[in-house]
Amino acid sequence: MPFNLPTCLTLLRIVLIPIIIIVFYLPWHGAKTACAIIFSLAALTDWLDGYLARKMEQATAFGAFLDPVADKLMIAVVLVLLVQSDPTPFLAIPAAVIIGREITIASLREWMAEVGERSRVKVSWIGKAKTMAQMFALIFLLLAGGLWTVPARTVGFILLYIAAFLTLWSMVGYLRAALPSLLRDS
């Protein structure tokens, strides 16, 4: 398994997850802002690792597996941290939708691979837009818990609900693509 630069950037994103957790709980008024900065850097590596893998022709099967895992872990952990610190249904519902969709689609992809039809549920542009909306939403929500005030929180919530909508939209697309296989085997 080659550890090229794109793969190392993906691994860095995973390594940053416990750092985000530790910083989130630091008894310091700028902790959430620091989390937003760390999360932003991690989100930037998501774009950069894919760009470099294509540009440098260093795409690997391991990198293709690890990249979405890193994204989903990072997003799920920050959603859980945010819901724990602000336990309202307005935050918990879109967080549950986003995390639930990721579990559903991961399971669907695994099943589709087992029946030899993995290509039916490949990543779409809606999935990429969903990930981008999620990342920006979480950055703003982290900033809202730190030094920034109402506008960051409002923007974060708007983006989170857009992300939840895109999450459901992309899930419906994946389920529709998989439906013939699901019905054939029932």
Protein backbone atom coordinates (compact mmCIF):
# COMPACT_ATOMS: atom_id res chain seq x y z
CA MET A 1 0.00 0.00 0.00
CA PRO A 2 1.79 3.14 -1.18
CA PHE A 3 1.74 6.15 1.14
CA ASN A 4 1.89 8.89 -1.45
CA LEU A 5 1.17 12.56 -0.73
CA PRO A 6 -2.60 12.36 -1.41
CA THR A 7 -2.95 9.35 0.90
CA CYS A 8 -0.89 11.07 3.59
CA LEU A 9 -3.22 14.10 3.39
CA THR A 10 -6.21 11.79 3.86
CA LEU A 11 -4.52 10.15 6.85
CA LEU A 12 -3.80 13.62 8.25
CA ARG A 13 -7.54 14.31 8.14
CA ILE A 14 -8.14 11.24 10.30
CA VAL A 15 -5.33 12.19 12.71
CA LEU A 16 -6.90 15.63 13.14
CA ILE A 17 -10.17 14.12 14.46
CA PRO A 18 -8.93 13.43 18.03
CA ILE A 19 -7.20 16.81 18.01
CA ILE A 20 -10.51 18.48 17.15
CA ILE A 21 -12.19 16.60 20.03
CA ILE A 22 -9.50 17.60 22.54
CA VAL A 23 -9.50 21.25 21.46
CA PHE A 24 -13.33 21.33 21.51
CA TYR A 25 -13.34 20.54 25.23
CA LEU A 26 -10.51 22.83 26.25
CA PRO A 27 -11.64 25.35 28.89
CA TRP A 28 -10.67 28.28 26.71
CA HIS A 29 -13.01 30.83 25.15
CA GLY A 30 -11.37 30.40 21.73
CA ALA A 31 -11.56 26.61 21.67
CA LYS A 32 -14.49 26.40 19.24
CA THR A 33 -12.83 28.91 16.90
CA ALA A 34 -9.63 26.84 17.04
CA CYS A 35 -11.73 23.76 16.20
CA ALA A 36 -13.21 25.62 13.23
CA ILE A 37 -9.70 26.44 11.98
CA ILE A 38 -8.48 22.84 12.42
CA PHE A 39 -11.65 21.51 10.77
CA SER A 40 -11.19 24.01 7.90
CA LEU A 41 -7.65 22.78 7.32
CA ALA A 42 -8.88 19.18 7.39
CA ALA A 43 -11.67 20.05 4.93
CA LEU A 44 -9.11 21.68 2.66
CA THR A 45 -7.12 18.43 2.60
CA ASP A 46 -10.28 16.72 1.30
CA TRP A 47 -10.15 18.83 -1.83
CA LEU A 48 -6.35 18.83 -2.04
CA ASP A 49 -5.84 15.07 -1.77
CA GLY A 50 -8.26 14.38 -4.63
CA TYR A 51 -6.76 17.13 -6.77
CA LEU A 52 -3.20 15.88 -6.19
CA ALA A 53 -4.13 12.24 -6.76
CA ARG A 54 -5.52 13.15 -10.19
CA LYS A 55 -2.86 15.73 -11.08
CA MET A 56 0.08 13.56 -10.00
CA GLU A 57 -1.60 10.36 -11.24
CA GLN A 58 -1.29 8.84 -7.77
CA ALA A 59 -4.84 7.59 -7.29
CA THR A 60 -4.85 4.28 -5.42
CA ALA A 61 -7.53 1.83 -4.34
CA PHE A 62 -6.54 2.46 -0.70
CA GLY A 63 -6.88 6.22 -1.18
CA ALA A 64 -10.26 5.80 -2.88
CA PHE A 65 -11.43 3.75 0.12
CA LEU A 66 -9.90 5.97 2.80
CA ASP A 67 -11.00 9.38 1.48
CA PRO A 68 -14.77 8.98 2.04
CA VAL A 69 -14.12 7.22 5.36
CA ALA A 70 -12.08 10.21 6.57
CA ASP A 71 -14.81 12.63 5.46
CA LYS A 72 -17.61 10.70 7.13
CA LEU A 73 -15.68 10.21 10.37
CA MET A 74 -14.75 13.88 10.56
CA ILE A 75 -18.27 15.11 9.82
CA ALA A 76 -19.97 12.62 12.17
CA VAL A 77 -17.62 13.43 15.06
CA VAL A 78 -18.12 17.19 14.71
CA LEU A 79 -21.90 16.75 14.42
CA VAL A 80 -21.93 14.71 17.63
CA LEU A 81 -19.79 17.33 19.40
CA LEU A 82 -22.09 20.14 18.27
CA VAL A 83 -25.29 18.31 19.24
CA GLN A 84 -23.81 17.42 22.61
CA SER A 85 -22.93 21.07 23.27
CA ASP A 86 -26.29 22.38 21.97
CA PRO A 87 -28.86 19.58 22.47
CA THR A 88 -31.77 21.04 20.53
CA PRO A 89 -33.98 19.26 18.02
CA PHE A 90 -33.07 21.95 15.47
CA LEU A 91 -29.51 20.63 15.48
CA ALA A 92 -30.16 16.98 16.37
CA ILE A 93 -32.61 16.30 13.51
CA PRO A 94 -30.35 17.33 10.60
CA ALA A 95 -27.41 15.66 12.35
CA ALA A 96 -29.38 12.40 12.62
CA VAL A 97 -30.43 12.69 8.95
CA ILE A 98 -26.83 13.20 7.84
CA ILE A 99 -25.34 10.42 9.97
CA GLY A 100 -28.24 8.06 9.20
CA ARG A 101 -27.84 8.61 5.47
CA GLU A 102 -24.13 7.84 5.65
CA ILE A 103 -24.81 4.54 7.43
CA THR A 104 -27.58 3.67 4.95
CA ILE A 105 -25.52 4.44 1.83
CA ALA A 106 -22.39 2.72 3.17
CA SER A 107 -24.48 -0.40 3.81
CA LEU A 108 -26.12 -0.12 0.39
CA ARG A 109 -22.74 0.21 -1.35
CA GLU A 110 -21.41 -2.81 0.53
CA TRP A 111 -24.44 -4.89 -0.44
CA MET A 112 -24.28 -3.71 -4.06
CA ALA A 113 -20.61 -4.69 -4.20
CA GLU A 114 -21.51 -8.15 -2.91
CA VAL A 115 -24.03 -8.62 -5.73
CA GLY A 116 -21.56 -7.24 -8.28
CA GLU A 117 -23.36 -4.00 -9.01
CA ARG A 118 -21.27 -1.45 -7.09
CA SER A 119 -21.11 0.85 -10.13
CA ARG A 120 -24.84 1.60 -9.79
CA VAL A 121 -24.19 3.55 -6.58
CA LYS A 122 -21.11 5.57 -7.44
CA VAL A 123 -20.59 9.08 -6.10
CA SER A 124 -22.67 11.76 -7.81
CA TRP A 125 -22.31 15.53 -8.03
CA ILE A 126 -25.09 15.85 -5.44
CA GLY A 127 -22.95 13.85 -3.01
CA LYS A 128 -20.05 16.21 -3.60
CA ALA A 129 -22.30 19.26 -3.09
CA LYS A 130 -23.68 17.66 0.08
CA THR A 131 -20.18 17.16 1.48
CA MET A 132 -19.24 20.76 0.70
CA ALA A 133 -22.42 22.11 2.34
CA GLN A 134 -21.79 19.93 5.40
CA MET A 135 -18.22 21.12 5.78
CA PHE A 136 -19.10 24.80 5.49
CA ALA A 137 -22.08 24.36 7.83
CA LEU A 138 -19.89 22.78 10.48
CA ILE A 139 -17.23 25.47 10.15
CA PHE A 140 -19.85 28.18 10.73
CA LEU A 141 -21.48 26.28 13.61
CA LEU A 142 -18.09 25.83 15.28
CA LEU A 143 -17.40 29.54 14.83
CA ALA A 144 -20.81 30.34 16.34
CA GLY A 145 -19.82 28.43 19.47
CA GLY A 146 -16.59 30.37 19.74
CA LEU A 147 -15.76 34.01 19.32
CA TRP A 148 -18.28 34.67 16.58
CA THR A 149 -21.94 35.30 17.29
CA VAL A 150 -25.38 35.16 15.66
CA PRO A 151 -24.56 35.50 11.93
CA ALA A 152 -22.20 32.50 11.99
CA ARG A 153 -24.83 30.42 13.80
CA THR A 154 -27.56 31.46 11.36
CA VAL A 155 -25.40 30.75 8.33
CA GLY A 156 -24.34 27.44 9.88
CA PHE A 157 -27.93 26.35 10.48
CA ILE A 158 -29.02 27.37 6.98
CA LEU A 159 -26.13 25.44 5.45
CA LEU A 160 -26.79 22.46 7.72
CA TYR A 161 -30.40 22.27 6.56
CA ILE A 162 -29.28 22.63 2.93
CA ALA A 163 -26.81 19.80 3.59
CA ALA A 164 -29.57 17.67 5.16
CA PHE A 165 -31.79 18.29 2.12
CA LEU A 166 -28.95 17.38 -0.27
CA THR A 167 -28.27 14.34 1.93
CA LEU A 168 -31.82 13.09 1.49
CA TRP A 169 -31.84 13.98 -2.21
CA SER A 170 -28.63 12.04 -2.85
CA MET A 171 -29.88 9.10 -0.77
CA VAL A 172 -33.06 8.90 -2.86
CA GLY A 173 -30.89 8.94 -5.99
CA TYR A 174 -28.74 6.09 -4.70
CA LEU A 175 -31.78 4.08 -3.62
CA ARG A 176 -33.46 4.60 -7.01
CA ALA A 177 -30.30 3.44 -8.77
CA ALA A 178 -30.14 0.35 -6.56
CA LEU A 179 -33.88 -0.40 -6.68
CA PRO A 180 -33.76 -2.84 -9.62
CA SER A 181 -31.13 -4.91 -7.79
CA LEU A 182 -33.01 -4.69 -4.52
CA LEU A 183 -36.29 -5.84 -6.14
CA ARG A 184 -34.66 -8.58 -8.20
CA ASP A 185 -33.20 -10.27 -5.13
CA SER A 186 -36.31 -10.09 -2.97
